Amino acid sequence: MKKFLCLIFLVAGLLLTGCAKNGRQIMEKEGCFSCHRYKGYGADICPDLTEITKNRSDEFIIQQLKDPGKNFPDSKMPSYNHLSDNEIKAILDYLKTGK
């Protein structure tokens, strides 16, 4: 019974934290670094994201990921609305901490 409860807590924890993927892995998978640079890594076609969390609110960044045209009507950035809230949070955490 004790092992079963541990398993339940482990699964619940993974579901709540977004499993093993971190923000950088998600950004790699989604191709963010093909246009953006972060701490010297990636392309410099679009804005550098190194200081983005110092200049923009969490809400702005989340909105930009989900619907870039809302903040910038002429934006060429694709929507990442298909990402889960946990994945978006992981990206935001990565942009804040670099981890």
C-alpha atoms as a PDB file:
ATOM      1  CA  MET A   1       0.000   0.000   0.000  1.00  0.00           C
ATOM      2  CA  LYS A   2       2.845   2.381   0.846  1.00  0.00           C
ATOM      3  CA  LYS A   3       4.464   1.834  -2.583  1.00  0.00           C
ATOM      4  CA  PHE A   4       1.128   2.466  -4.277  1.00  0.00           C
ATOM      5  CA  LEU A   5       0.704   5.805  -2.492  1.00  0.00           C
ATOM      6  CA  CYS A   6       4.253   6.808  -3.416  1.00  0.00           C
ATOM      7  CA  LEU A   7       3.497   6.002  -7.051  1.00  0.00           C
ATOM      8  CA  ILE A   8       0.335   8.109  -6.963  1.00  0.00           C
ATOM      9  CA  PHE A   9       2.238  11.082  -5.517  1.00  0.00           C
ATOM     10  CA  LEU A  10       5.003  10.670  -8.092  1.00  0.00           C
ATOM     11  CA  VAL A  11       2.558  10.616 -11.011  1.00  0.00           C
ATOM     12  CA  ALA A  12       0.620  13.588  -9.599  1.00  0.00           C
ATOM     13  CA  GLY A  13       3.869  15.516  -9.183  1.00  0.00           C
ATOM     14  CA  LEU A  14       4.908  14.833 -12.758  1.00  0.00           C
ATOM     15  CA  LEU A  15       1.535  15.925 -14.084  1.00  0.00           C
ATOM     16  CA  LEU A  16       1.591  19.150 -12.095  1.00  0.00           C
ATOM     17  CA  THR A  17       5.172  20.106 -12.973  1.00  0.00           C
ATOM     18  CA  GLY A  18       5.105  19.294 -16.675  1.00  0.00           C
ATOM     19  CA  CYS A  19       7.222  16.117 -16.501  1.00  0.00           C
ATOM     20  CA  ALA A  20      10.894  16.167 -17.420  1.00  0.00           C
ATOM     21  CA  LYS A  21      10.986  18.802 -20.160  1.00  0.00           C
ATOM     22  CA  ASN A  22      12.591  22.063 -19.308  1.00  0.00           C
ATOM     23  CA  GLY A  23      12.090  25.401 -20.993  1.00  0.00           C
ATOM     24  CA  ARG A  24      15.210  25.186 -23.117  1.00  0.00           C
ATOM     25  CA  GLN A  25      14.211  21.755 -24.439  1.00  0.00           C
ATOM     26  CA  ILE A  26      10.780  23.083 -25.369  1.00  0.00           C
ATOM     27  CA  MET A  27      12.280  26.130 -27.072  1.00  0.00           C
ATOM     28  CA  GLU A  28      14.681  23.873 -28.995  1.00  0.00           C
ATOM     29  CA  LYS A  29      11.851  21.571 -30.077  1.00  0.00           C
ATOM     30  CA  GLU A  30       9.633  24.474 -31.136  1.00  0.00           C
ATOM     31  CA  GLY A  31      12.428  26.158 -33.123  1.00  0.00           C
ATOM     32  CA  CYS A  32      12.546  29.366 -31.073  1.00  0.00           C
ATOM     33  CA  PHE A  33      16.324  29.614 -31.408  1.00  0.00           C
ATOM     34  CA  SER A  34      16.015  29.633 -35.197  1.00  0.00           C
ATOM     35  CA  CYS A  35      14.929  33.273 -34.857  1.00  0.00           C
ATOM     36  CA  HIS A  36      15.685  34.369 -31.297  1.00  0.00           C
ATOM     37  CA  ARG A  37      18.892  34.551 -29.279  1.00  0.00           C
ATOM     38  CA  TYR A  38      19.147  33.897 -25.553  1.00  0.00           C
ATOM     39  CA  LYS A  39      22.382  34.492 -23.638  1.00  0.00           C
ATOM     40  CA  GLY A  40      24.413  34.337 -26.857  1.00  0.00           C
ATOM     41  CA  TYR A  41      22.776  31.165 -28.204  1.00  0.00           C
ATOM     42  CA  GLY A  42      20.557  31.143 -31.287  1.00  0.00           C
ATOM     43  CA  ALA A  43      19.899  33.395 -34.251  1.00  0.00           C
ATOM     44  CA  ASP A  44      19.618  37.161 -34.175  1.00  0.00           C
ATOM     45  CA  ILE A  45      16.813  37.558 -36.711  1.00  0.00           C
ATOM     46  CA  CYS A  46      14.221  38.521 -34.080  1.00  0.00           C
ATOM     47  CA  PRO A  47      14.529  40.193 -30.668  1.00  0.00           C
ATOM     48  CA  ASP A  48      17.113  38.871 -28.220  1.00  0.00           C
ATOM     49  CA  LEU A  49      15.292  37.249 -25.292  1.00  0.00           C
ATOM     50  CA  THR A  50      18.113  37.536 -22.742  1.00  0.00           C
ATOM     51  CA  GLU A  51      16.564  40.515 -20.918  1.00  0.00           C
ATOM     52  CA  ILE A  52      12.919  39.948 -21.899  1.00  0.00           C
ATOM     53  CA  THR A  53      11.713  39.129 -18.373  1.00  0.00           C
ATOM     54  CA  LYS A  54      13.200  42.385 -17.088  1.00  0.00           C
ATOM     55  CA  ASN A  55      11.390  44.435 -19.722  1.00  0.00           C
ATOM     56  CA  ARG A  56       8.072  42.591 -20.078  1.00  0.00           C
ATOM     57  CA  SER A  57       5.571  41.117 -17.641  1.00  0.00           C
ATOM     58  CA  ASP A  58       4.836  37.404 -17.377  1.00  0.00           C
ATOM     59  CA  GLU A  59       1.372  38.115 -18.760  1.00  0.00           C
ATOM     60  CA  PHE A  60       2.815  39.876 -21.814  1.00  0.00           C
ATOM     61  CA  ILE A  61       5.218  37.010 -22.559  1.00  0.00           C
ATOM     62  CA  ILE A  62       2.476  34.398 -22.155  1.00  0.00           C
ATOM     63  CA  GLN A  63       0.198  36.404 -24.466  1.00  0.00           C
ATOM     64  CA  GLN A  64       3.029  36.730 -26.984  1.00  0.00           C
ATOM     65  CA  LEU A  65       3.517  32.966 -27.016  1.00  0.00           C
ATOM     66  CA  LYS A  66      -0.191  32.215 -27.372  1.00  0.00           C
ATOM     67  CA  ASP A  67      -1.217  34.993 -29.783  1.00  0.00           C
ATOM     68  CA  PRO A  68       1.684  37.119 -31.053  1.00  0.00           C
ATOM     69  CA  GLY A  69      -0.592  39.164 -33.301  1.00  0.00           C
ATOM     70  CA  LYS A  70      -2.450  40.575 -30.306  1.00  0.00           C
ATOM     71  CA  ASN A  71       0.640  42.414 -29.021  1.00  0.00           C
ATOM     72  CA  PHE A  72       2.111  43.145 -32.442  1.00  0.00           C
ATOM     73  CA  PRO A  73      -0.420  42.958 -35.307  1.00  0.00           C
ATOM     74  CA  ASP A  74       2.332  42.689 -37.956  1.00  0.00           C
ATOM     75  CA  SER A  75       4.211  39.917 -36.108  1.00  0.00           C
ATOM     76  CA  LYS A  76       5.569  37.054 -38.204  1.00  0.00           C
ATOM     77  CA  MET A  77       5.993  34.909 -35.073  1.00  0.00           C
ATOM     78  CA  PRO A  78       3.801  31.799 -35.099  1.00  0.00           C
ATOM     79  CA  SER A  79       1.373  31.070 -32.293  1.00  0.00           C
ATOM     80  CA  TYR A  80       2.429  28.539 -29.688  1.00  0.00           C
ATOM     81  CA  ASN A  81      -1.096  28.169 -28.347  1.00  0.00           C
ATOM     82  CA  HIS A  82      -0.713  24.392 -28.703  1.00  0.00           C
ATOM     83  CA  LEU A  83       1.704  24.356 -25.765  1.00  0.00           C
ATOM     84  CA  SER A  84       0.320  23.374 -22.375  1.00  0.00           C
ATOM     85  CA  ASP A  85       0.279  25.829 -19.479  1.00  0.00           C
ATOM     86  CA  ASN A  86       3.095  23.796 -17.894  1.00  0.00           C
ATOM     87  CA  GLU A  87       5.210  24.064 -21.053  1.00  0.00           C
ATOM     88  CA  ILE A  88       4.653  27.817 -21.244  1.00  0.00           C
ATOM     89  CA  LYS A  89       5.528  28.124 -17.557  1.00  0.00           C
ATOM     90  CA  ALA A  90       8.715  26.124 -18.205  1.00  0.00           C
ATOM     91  CA  ILE A  91       9.700  28.519 -20.990  1.00  0.00           C
ATOM     92  CA  LEU A  92       9.000  31.502 -18.770  1.00  0.00           C
ATOM     93  CA  ASP A  93      11.028  29.961 -15.927  1.00  0.00           C
ATOM     94  CA  TYR A  94      13.910  29.297 -18.334  1.00  0.00           C
ATOM     95  CA  LEU A  95      13.855  32.881 -19.602  1.00  0.00           C
ATOM     96  CA  LYS A  96      13.973  34.114 -15.993  1.00  0.00           C
ATOM     97  CA  THR A  97      16.675  31.801 -14.669  1.00  0.00           C
ATOM     98  CA  GLY A  98      18.531  30.297 -17.627  1.00  0.00           C
ATOM     99  CA  LYS A  99      17.836  26.849 -16.135  1.00  0.00           C
END
